[in-house]
C-alpha atoms as a PDB file:
ATOM      1  CA  UNK A   1       6.637 151.320 -10.901  1.00  0.00           C
ATOM      2  CA  UNK A   2       2.988 149.504  -9.115  1.00  0.00           C
ATOM      3  CA  UNK A   3       0.414 150.382  -8.817  1.00  0.00           C
ATOM      4  CA  UNK A   4      -2.410 148.645  -8.348  1.00  0.00           C
ATOM      5  CA  UNK A   5      -5.122 148.206 -10.554  1.00  0.00           C
ATOM      6  CA  UNK A   6      -7.694 149.208  -8.143  1.00  0.00           C
ATOM      7  CA  UNK A   7      -5.810 152.666  -6.833  1.00  0.00           C
ATOM      8  CA  UNK A   8      -7.659 155.635  -7.669  1.00  0.00           C
ATOM      9  CA  UNK A   9      -5.316 158.404  -9.339  1.00  0.00           C
ATOM     10  CA  UNK A  10      -5.724 161.894 -10.413  1.00  0.00           C
ATOM     11  CA  UNK A  11      -5.253 163.044 -14.328  1.00  0.00           C
ATOM     12  CA  UNK A  12      -3.596 166.214 -12.793  1.00  0.00           C
ATOM     13  CA  UNK A  13      -1.682 164.392  -9.820  1.00  0.00           C
ATOM     14  CA  UNK A  14       2.053 162.837 -10.431  1.00  0.00           C
ATOM     15  CA  UNK A  15       3.771 159.570  -9.275  1.00  0.00           C
ATOM     16  CA  UNK A  16       7.236 158.712 -10.203  1.00  0.00           C
ATOM     17  CA  UNK A  17       8.582 155.853 -11.499  1.00  0.00           C
ATOM     18  CA  UNK A  18       9.298 153.404  -9.048  1.00  0.00           C
ATOM     19  CA  UNK A  19       6.378 154.793  -6.285  1.00  0.00           C
ATOM     20  CA  UNK A  20       5.054 151.734  -4.801  1.00  0.00           C
ATOM     21  CA  UNK A  21       0.737 152.080  -5.130  1.00  0.00           C
ATOM     22  CA  UNK A  22      -1.076 149.926  -3.000  1.00  0.00           C
ATOM     23  CA  UNK A  23      -4.911 148.410  -3.284  1.00  0.00           C
ATOM     24  CA  UNK A  24      -7.796 150.313  -2.701  1.00  0.00           C
ATOM     25  CA  UNK A  25      -5.126 153.838  -2.928  1.00  0.00           C
ATOM     26  CA  UNK A  26      -6.365 157.701  -4.301  1.00  0.00           C
ATOM     27  CA  UNK A  27      -4.020 160.077  -5.089  1.00  0.00           C
ATOM     28  CA  UNK A  28      -6.060 163.263  -5.368  1.00  0.00           C
ATOM     29  CA  UNK A  29      -5.582 166.738  -7.651  1.00  0.00           C
ATOM     30  CA  UNK A  30      -2.299 167.906  -7.889  1.00  0.00           C
ATOM     31  CA  UNK A  31      -0.408 165.907  -5.796  1.00  0.00           C
ATOM     32  CA  UNK A  32       2.749 164.616  -6.039  1.00  0.00           C
ATOM     33  CA  UNK A  33       4.167 160.948  -5.074  1.00  0.00           C
ATOM     34  CA  UNK A  34       8.177 160.473  -5.316  1.00  0.00           C
ATOM     35  CA  UNK A  35       9.683 157.316  -6.688  1.00  0.00           C
ATOM     36  CA  UNK A  36      11.102 156.050  -3.561  1.00  0.00           C
ATOM     37  CA  UNK A  37       7.432 156.474  -1.978  1.00  0.00           C
ATOM     38  CA  UNK A  38       5.234 152.792  -0.667  1.00  0.00           C
ATOM     39  CA  UNK A  39       1.508 153.727  -0.130  1.00  0.00           C
ATOM     40  CA  UNK A  40      -0.435 150.533   1.610  1.00  0.00           C
ATOM     41  CA  UNK A  41      -3.840 149.731   0.942  1.00  0.00           C
ATOM     42  CA  UNK A  42      -6.494 152.379   0.961  1.00  0.00           C
ATOM     43  CA  UNK A  43      -4.258 155.344   2.071  1.00  0.00           C
ATOM     44  CA  UNK A  44      -5.664 158.512   0.739  1.00  0.00           C
ATOM     45  CA  UNK A  45      -3.941 161.508  -0.416  1.00  0.00           C
ATOM     46  CA  UNK A  46      -6.440 164.667  -1.601  1.00  0.00           C
ATOM     47  CA  UNK A  47      -5.706 167.294  -3.139  1.00  0.00           C
ATOM     48  CA  UNK A  48      -1.624 169.566  -3.111  1.00  0.00           C
ATOM     49  CA  UNK A  49       0.088 166.478  -1.633  1.00  0.00           C
ATOM     50  CA  UNK A  50       3.249 166.177  -1.432  1.00  0.00           C
ATOM     51  CA  UNK A  51       4.871 162.662  -0.507  1.00  0.00           C
ATOM     52  CA  UNK A  52       8.494 161.873  -1.561  1.00  0.00           C
ATOM     53  CA  UNK A  53      11.613 160.616   0.135  1.00  0.00           C
ATOM     54  CA  UNK A  54      11.987 156.816   0.856  1.00  0.00           C
ATOM     55  CA  UNK A  55       8.689 157.064   2.871  1.00  0.00           C
ATOM     56  CA  UNK A  56       6.217 154.758   3.316  1.00  0.00           C
ATOM     57  CA  UNK A  57       3.063 155.110   4.935  1.00  0.00           C
ATOM     58  CA  UNK A  58       0.380 152.689   6.622  1.00  0.00           C
ATOM     59  CA  UNK A  59      -2.827 151.316   5.356  1.00  0.00           C
ATOM     60  CA  UNK A  60      -5.278 153.537   5.265  1.00  0.00           C
ATOM     61  CA  UNK A  61      -3.599 156.979   5.961  1.00  0.00           C
ATOM     62  CA  UNK A  62      -5.313 160.250   4.842  1.00  0.00           C
ATOM     63  CA  UNK A  63      -3.228 163.413   4.321  1.00  0.00           C
ATOM     64  CA  UNK A  64      -4.899 166.325   3.828  1.00  0.00           C
ATOM     65  CA  UNK A  65      -3.701 169.091   1.128  1.00  0.00           C
ATOM     66  CA  UNK A  66      -0.748 171.440   1.402  1.00  0.00           C
ATOM     67  CA  UNK A  67       0.396 168.412   4.047  1.00  0.00           C
ATOM     68  CA  UNK A  68       4.450 167.608   2.572  1.00  0.00           C
ATOM     69  CA  UNK A  69       5.416 164.451   4.112  1.00  0.00           C
ATOM     70  CA  UNK A  70       8.432 163.008   3.064  1.00  0.00           C
ATOM     71  CA  UNK A  71      11.393 166.184   2.830  1.00  0.00           C
ATOM     72  CA  UNK A  72      14.499 166.160   3.774  1.00  0.00           C
ATOM     73  CA  UNK A  73      15.310 167.203   7.275  1.00  0.00           C
ATOM     74  CA  UNK A  74      16.044 171.175   8.755  1.00  0.00           C
ATOM     75  CA  UNK A  75      19.506 170.435   9.735  1.00  0.00           C
ATOM     76  CA  UNK A  76      22.158 172.221   7.862  1.00  0.00           C
ATOM     77  CA  UNK A  77      24.656 168.576   8.327  1.00  0.00           C
ATOM     78  CA  UNK A  78      22.995 167.074   5.882  1.00  0.00           C
ATOM     79  CA  UNK A  79      24.679 165.617   3.090  1.00  0.00           C
ATOM     80  CA  UNK A  80      21.548 163.877   1.190  1.00  0.00           C
ATOM     81  CA  UNK A  81      22.070 160.792   2.333  1.00  0.00           C
ATOM     82  CA  UNK A  82      19.533 158.164   1.925  1.00  0.00           C
ATOM     83  CA  UNK A  83      17.402 158.291   4.813  1.00  0.00           C
ATOM     84  CA  UNK A  84      13.551 156.671   5.680  1.00  0.00           C
ATOM     85  CA  UNK A  85      10.655 158.389   6.905  1.00  0.00           C
ATOM     86  CA  UNK A  86       7.860 155.261   7.820  1.00  0.00           C
ATOM     87  CA  UNK A  87       4.023 156.666   9.228  1.00  0.00           C
ATOM     88  CA  UNK A  88       1.892 153.304  10.573  1.00  0.00           C
ATOM     89  CA  UNK A  89      -1.590 152.611   9.510  1.00  0.00           C
ATOM     90  CA  UNK A  90      -4.242 154.861  10.052  1.00  0.00           C
ATOM     91  CA  UNK A  91      -3.334 158.238  10.949  1.00  0.00           C
ATOM     92  CA  UNK A  92      -4.445 161.236  10.263  1.00  0.00           C
ATOM     93  CA  UNK A  93      -2.182 163.874   9.020  1.00  0.00           C
ATOM     94  CA  UNK A  94      -3.877 166.992   8.472  1.00  0.00           C
ATOM     95  CA  UNK A  95      -3.782 170.151   6.408  1.00  0.00           C
ATOM     96  CA  UNK A  96       0.175 171.579   6.303  1.00  0.00           C
ATOM     97  CA  UNK A  97       2.180 169.359   8.066  1.00  0.00           C
ATOM     98  CA  UNK A  98       5.709 169.000   7.360  1.00  0.00           C
ATOM     99  CA  UNK A  99       7.598 165.189   8.260  1.00  0.00           C
ATOM    100  CA  UNK A 100      10.941 165.021   7.891  1.00  0.00           C
ATOM    101  CA  UNK A 101      13.240 161.937   7.035  1.00  0.00           C
ATOM    102  CA  UNK A 102      16.128 161.051   9.128  1.00  0.00           C
ATOM    103  CA  UNK A 103      19.461 161.711   9.257  1.00  0.00           C
ATOM    104  CA  UNK A 104      22.725 159.180   9.620  1.00  0.00           C
ATOM    105  CA  UNK A 105      23.732 160.893  11.924  1.00  0.00           C
ATOM    106  CA  UNK A 106      20.695 160.108  13.870  1.00  0.00           C
ATOM    107  CA  UNK A 107      19.736 156.613  13.043  1.00  0.00           C
ATOM    108  CA  UNK A 108      18.314 157.189   9.791  1.00  0.00           C
ATOM    109  CA  UNK A 109      14.907 157.063   9.907  1.00  0.00           C
ATOM    110  CA  UNK A 110      11.900 158.572  11.323  1.00  0.00           C
ATOM    111  CA  UNK A 111       8.442 157.325  12.566  1.00  0.00           C
ATOM    112  CA  UNK A 112       5.236 157.600  13.911  1.00  0.00           C
ATOM    113  CA  UNK A 113       3.127 154.479  14.390  1.00  0.00           C
ATOM    114  CA  UNK A 114      -0.583 153.210  14.031  1.00  0.00           C
ATOM    115  CA  UNK A 115      -3.821 156.223  14.649  1.00  0.00           C
ATOM    116  CA  UNK A 116      -2.481 159.653  15.513  1.00  0.00           C
ATOM    117  CA  UNK A 117      -4.305 162.803  14.703  1.00  0.00           C
ATOM    118  CA  UNK A 118      -1.363 165.044  13.337  1.00  0.00           C
ATOM    119  CA  UNK A 119      -3.761 168.597  13.618  1.00  0.00           C
ATOM    120  CA  UNK A 120      -3.261 171.813  11.157  1.00  0.00           C
ATOM    121  CA  UNK A 121       0.582 172.555  10.563  1.00  0.00           C
ATOM    122  CA  UNK A 122       2.298 169.410  12.708  1.00  0.00           C
ATOM    123  CA  UNK A 123       5.320 169.181  12.532  1.00  0.00           C
ATOM    124  CA  UNK A 124       7.605 165.792  13.461  1.00  0.00           C
ATOM    125  CA  UNK A 125      11.527 166.784  12.575  1.00  0.00           C
ATOM    126  CA  UNK A 126      14.072 164.523  11.722  1.00  0.00           C
ATOM    127  CA  UNK A 127      15.190 161.127  13.761  1.00  0.00           C
ATOM    128  CA  UNK A 128      11.821 161.607  16.042  1.00  0.00           C
ATOM    129  CA  UNK A 129      10.201 158.436  17.325  1.00  0.00           C
ATOM    130  CA  UNK A 130       6.555 158.595  17.658  1.00  0.00           C
ATOM    131  CA  UNK A 131       4.451 156.268  18.744  1.00  0.00           C
ATOM    132  CA  UNK A 132       0.695 155.521  18.386  1.00  0.00           C
ATOM    133  CA  UNK A 133      -2.532 157.185  19.143  1.00  0.00           C
ATOM    134  CA  UNK A 134      -0.710 160.215  19.557  1.00  0.00           C
ATOM    135  CA  UNK A 135      -2.342 163.843  18.999  1.00  0.00           C
ATOM    136  CA  UNK A 136      -0.298 166.946  17.699  1.00  0.00           C
ATOM    137  CA  UNK A 137      -2.873 169.637  17.737  1.00  0.00           C
ATOM    138  CA  UNK A 138      -2.501 172.880  15.793  1.00  0.00           C
ATOM    139  CA  UNK A 139       0.821 173.707  15.132  1.00  0.00           C
ATOM    140  CA  UNK A 140       2.363 171.649  17.114  1.00  0.00           C
ATOM    141  CA  UNK A 141       6.792 171.086  16.381  1.00  0.00           C
ATOM    142  CA  UNK A 142       8.429 168.227  17.176  1.00  0.00           C
ATOM    143  CA  UNK A 143      12.087 168.915  17.284  1.00  0.00           C
ATOM    144  CA  UNK A 144      15.028 166.313  16.028  1.00  0.00           C
ATOM    145  CA  UNK A 145      15.579 162.883  17.814  1.00  0.00           C
ATOM    146  CA  UNK A 146      12.509 163.730  19.797  1.00  0.00           C
ATOM    147  CA  UNK A 147      10.679 160.356  21.166  1.00  0.00           C
ATOM    148  CA  UNK A 148       7.404 160.951  21.807  1.00  0.00           C
ATOM    149  CA  UNK A 149       5.130 157.413  23.416  1.00  0.00           C
ATOM    150  CA  UNK A 150       2.548 155.971  22.981  1.00  0.00           C
ATOM    151  CA  UNK A 151      -1.384 157.931  24.148  1.00  0.00           C
ATOM    152  CA  UNK A 152       0.185 161.412  24.185  1.00  0.00           C
ATOM    153  CA  UNK A 153      -1.596 164.139  23.527  1.00  0.00           C
ATOM    154  CA  UNK A 154       0.350 167.709  23.159  1.00  0.00           C
ATOM    155  CA  UNK A 155      -2.223 171.394  22.840  1.00  0.00           C
ATOM    156  CA  UNK A 156      -2.078 173.843  20.132  1.00  0.00           C
ATOM    157  CA  UNK A 157       0.990 175.950  19.451  1.00  0.00           C
ATOM    158  CA  UNK A 158       3.225 173.899  21.446  1.00  0.00           C
ATOM    159  CA  UNK A 159       7.459 172.968  21.395  1.00  0.00           C
ATOM    160  CA  UNK A 160       8.880 169.662  22.078  1.00  0.00           C
ATOM    161  CA  UNK A 161      12.471 170.649  22.171  1.00  0.00           C
ATOM    162  CA  UNK A 162      15.334 168.445  20.699  1.00  0.00           C
ATOM    163  CA  UNK A 163      16.151 164.908  22.280  1.00  0.00           C
ATOM    164  CA  UNK A 164      13.165 165.522  24.491  1.00  0.00           C
ATOM    165  CA  UNK A 165      11.777 161.652  25.454  1.00  0.00           C
ATOM    166  CA  UNK A 166       7.938 162.636  26.015  1.00  0.00           C
ATOM    167  CA  UNK A 167       6.592 159.245  28.430  1.00  0.00           C
ATOM    168  CA  UNK A 168       3.418 156.434  27.228  1.00  0.00           C
ATOM    169  CA  UNK A 169      -0.151 158.883  28.538  1.00  0.00           C
ATOM    170  CA  UNK A 170       1.134 162.361  29.214  1.00  0.00           C
ATOM    171  CA  UNK A 171      -0.687 165.305  27.941  1.00  0.00           C
ATOM    172  CA  UNK A 172       0.726 168.693  26.985  1.00  0.00           C
ATOM    173  CA  UNK A 173      -0.990 171.743  27.306  1.00  0.00           C
ATOM    174  CA  UNK A 174      -1.272 174.505  24.575  1.00  0.00           C
ATOM    175  CA  UNK A 175       1.163 177.111  24.104  1.00  0.00           C
ATOM    176  CA  UNK A 176       3.584 175.108  26.467  1.00  0.00           C
ATOM    177  CA  UNK A 177       7.383 174.958  25.456  1.00  0.00           C
ATOM    178  CA  UNK A 178       9.189 171.188  26.815  1.00  0.00           C
ATOM    179  CA  UNK A 179      12.849 171.232  27.372  1.00  0.00           C
ATOM    180  CA  UNK A 180      13.416 167.992  29.545  1.00  0.00           C
ATOM    181  CA  UNK A 181      11.483 164.872  29.655  1.00  0.00           C
ATOM    182  CA  UNK A 182       8.144 164.192  30.757  1.00  0.00           C
ATOM    183  CA  UNK A 183       7.714 161.237  32.543  1.00  0.00           C
ATOM    184  CA  UNK A 184       4.586 158.507  31.465  1.00  0.00           C
ATOM    185  CA  UNK A 185       1.305 159.653  32.509  1.00  0.00           C
ATOM    186  CA  UNK A 186       2.614 163.179  33.109  1.00  0.00           C
ATOM    187  CA  UNK A 187       1.061 166.489  32.710  1.00  0.00           C
ATOM    188  CA  UNK A 188       2.887 170.067  31.922  1.00  0.00           C
ATOM    189  CA  UNK A 189       1.498 173.293  31.372  1.00  0.00           C
ATOM    190  CA  UNK A 190       2.981 176.728  31.827  1.00  0.00           C
ATOM    191  CA  UNK A 191       5.045 178.550  29.082  1.00  0.00           C
ATOM    192  CA  UNK A 192       8.409 177.261  29.977  1.00  0.00           C
ATOM    193  CA  UNK A 193       6.619 173.635  31.213  1.00  0.00           C
ATOM    194  CA  UNK A 194       6.024 172.194  34.561  1.00  0.00           C
ATOM    195  CA  UNK A 195       5.616 169.220  35.172  1.00  0.00           C
ATOM    196  CA  UNK A 196       2.134 169.981  37.583  1.00  0.00           C
ATOM    197  CA  UNK A 197       0.553 166.770  38.563  1.00  0.00           C
ATOM    198  CA  UNK A 198      -0.313 163.206  36.529  1.00  0.00           C
ATOM    199  CA  UNK A 199      -2.905 163.496  33.416  1.00  0.00           C
ATOM    200  CA  UNK A 200      -5.679 161.526  35.646  1.00  0.00           C
ATOM    201  CA  UNK A 201      -8.620 162.188  32.965  1.00  0.00           C
ATOM    202  CA  UNK A 202      -6.305 160.187  30.616  1.00  0.00           C
ATOM    203  CA  UNK A 203      -5.792 157.190  32.752  1.00  0.00           C
ATOM    204  CA  UNK A 204      -9.781 157.503  34.016  1.00  0.00           C
ATOM    205  CA  UNK A 205     -10.165 157.165  29.885  1.00  0.00           C
ATOM    206  CA  UNK A 206      -8.481 154.117  29.566  1.00  0.00           C
ATOM    207  CA  UNK A 207     -10.206 152.110  32.235  1.00  0.00           C
ATOM    208  CA  UNK A 208      -6.970 152.336  34.151  1.00  0.00           C
ATOM    209  CA  UNK A 209      -8.060 150.597  38.077  1.00  0.00           C
ATOM    210  CA  UNK A 210      -8.332 152.955  41.223  1.00  0.00           C
ATOM    211  CA  UNK A 211      -5.758 150.931  42.537  1.00  0.00           C
ATOM    212  CA  UNK A 212      -3.508 151.675  40.365  1.00  0.00           C
ATOM    213  CA  UNK A 213      -4.388 155.231  40.218  1.00  0.00           C
ATOM    214  CA  UNK A 214      -3.836 155.841  43.474  1.00  0.00           C
ATOM    215  CA  UNK A 215      -0.404 154.540  43.596  1.00  0.00           C
ATOM    216  CA  UNK A 216       0.733 156.911  40.637  1.00  0.00           C
ATOM    217  CA  UNK A 217      -0.694 159.068  42.914  1.00  0.00           C
ATOM    218  CA  UNK A 218       1.623 158.071  46.223  1.00  0.00           C
ATOM    219  CA  UNK A 219       4.528 157.856  43.609  1.00  0.00           C
ATOM    220  CA  UNK A 220       3.937 161.100  42.254  1.00  0.00           C
ATOM    221  CA  UNK A 221       4.180 162.570  45.665  1.00  0.00           C
ATOM    222  CA  UNK A 222       7.281 160.316  46.572  1.00  0.00           C
ATOM    223  CA  UNK A 223       9.333 162.054  42.935  1.00  0.00           C
ATOM    224  CA  UNK A 224       8.417 165.317  44.392  1.00  0.00           C
ATOM    225  CA  UNK A 225       8.616 165.451  47.863  1.00  0.00           C
ATOM    226  CA  UNK A 226      10.761 162.580  49.183  1.00  0.00           C
ATOM    227  CA  UNK A 227      14.259 162.232  50.593  1.00  0.00           C
ATOM    228  CA  UNK A 228      17.189 162.179  48.642  1.00  0.00           C
ATOM    229  CA  UNK A 229      17.847 163.135  44.600  1.00  0.00           C
ATOM    230  CA  UNK A 230      14.776 162.616  42.077  1.00  0.00           C
ATOM    231  CA  UNK A 231      17.284 159.562  41.008  1.00  0.00           C
ATOM    232  CA  UNK A 232      17.024 158.467  44.710  1.00  0.00           C
ATOM    233  CA  UNK A 233      13.769 158.590  44.673  1.00  0.00           C
ATOM    234  CA  UNK A 234      13.181 156.594  40.911  1.00  0.00           C
ATOM    235  CA  UNK A 235      15.258 153.993  42.786  1.00  0.00           C
ATOM    236  CA  UNK A 236      13.589 154.022  46.208  1.00  0.00           C
ATOM    237  CA  UNK A 237      10.229 153.669  44.530  1.00  0.00           C
ATOM    238  CA  UNK A 238      11.885 150.941  41.509  1.00  0.00           C
ATOM    239  CA  UNK A 239      12.424 148.393  44.264  1.00  0.00           C
ATOM    240  CA  UNK A 240       9.169 149.024  46.855  1.00  0.00           C
ATOM    241  CA  UNK A 241       6.601 148.686  43.960  1.00  0.00           C
ATOM    242  CA  UNK A 242       4.748 146.398  42.665  1.00  0.00           C
ATOM    243  CA  UNK A 243       2.572 149.132  39.841  1.00  0.00           C
ATOM    244  CA  UNK A 244       3.209 148.353  36.314  1.00  0.00           C
ATOM    245  CA  UNK A 245       2.215 151.757  35.842  1.00  0.00           C
ATOM    246  CA  UNK A 246       4.604 153.225  38.053  1.00  0.00           C
ATOM    247  CA  UNK A 247       7.071 150.135  36.978  1.00  0.00           C
ATOM    248  CA  UNK A 248       6.500 151.868  33.571  1.00  0.00           C
ATOM    249  CA  UNK A 249       7.835 155.457  35.636  1.00  0.00           C
ATOM    250  CA  UNK A 250      10.973 154.286  37.352  1.00  0.00           C
ATOM    251  CA  UNK A 251      11.856 152.636  34.423  1.00  0.00           C
ATOM    252  CA  UNK A 252      11.637 155.626  32.053  1.00  0.00           C
ATOM    253  CA  UNK A 253      13.100 158.295  34.855  1.00  0.00           C
ATOM    254  CA  UNK A 254      16.201 155.026  35.348  1.00  0.00           C
ATOM    255  CA  UNK A 255      16.256 154.688  31.468  1.00  0.00           C
ATOM    256  CA  UNK A 256      18.620 156.643  29.164  1.00  0.00           C
ATOM    257  CA  UNK A 257      18.295 160.164  28.126  1.00  0.00           C
ATOM    258  CA  UNK A 258      20.313 162.933  26.783  1.00  0.00           C
ATOM    259  CA  UNK A 259      18.475 165.408  28.722  1.00  0.00           C
ATOM    260  CA  UNK A 260      17.216 166.002  32.313  1.00  0.00           C
ATOM    261  CA  UNK A 261      13.309 165.976  33.792  1.00  0.00           C
ATOM    262  CA  UNK A 262      10.980 168.378  34.345  1.00  0.00           C
ATOM    263  CA  UNK A 263      10.189 167.127  38.160  1.00  0.00           C
ATOM    264  CA  UNK A 264       7.110 167.623  40.295  1.00  0.00           C
ATOM    265  CA  UNK A 265       6.848 170.789  41.910  1.00  0.00           C
END
């Protein structure tokens, strides 16, 4: 066990032999840290937190009461193989959230990027890849093998079906079930998720140039109403565009996927 001298561990907390606790960490009352856990600098585990498995948590991340980080996958095929979970820096993992390690068949790694907010009761399943600056509102469920891009926001009580990809900068409305891939910067809403436009508010907040937003709106219209199949329209856009944002959309659509796409109405 390696516990830095500046770490503070409450007397009622339990840190198993083998864990690595970085400088300025705080482990609160009745929390438990497993033997293969690594906590970076300044990580705070509030009371009644469980961090277990082969898990690494980045600097200054805060985990709130009753969260469980690094437990085994909810997958009947899992047979105890040694798989990992990594969480980036400055994340906020709120009360009751659950994050599982990966599976051998899914690549063996579940990962969460930097500066994410996982609100109360959020779940990240095995082998999911979650980018940076992602917000999962209360009770959002990310199923196994999902890929969630940077700067995605998912509204409360929503679910993302296994193997679905959600592109960078997309926003998913509350109480939405997403069963197919979501293009970058897409806006999805309705109980059975429908692609209903672009995340224009998010683009403006990030300071995207008006010319790029105009190009993206034109691209969306072409994807919705152009000739040929959805993939044919994306290929044509890829050949014609000089906008890096539209290029992100077409690269995503033409990339490898295990699902179909939510397409514009």
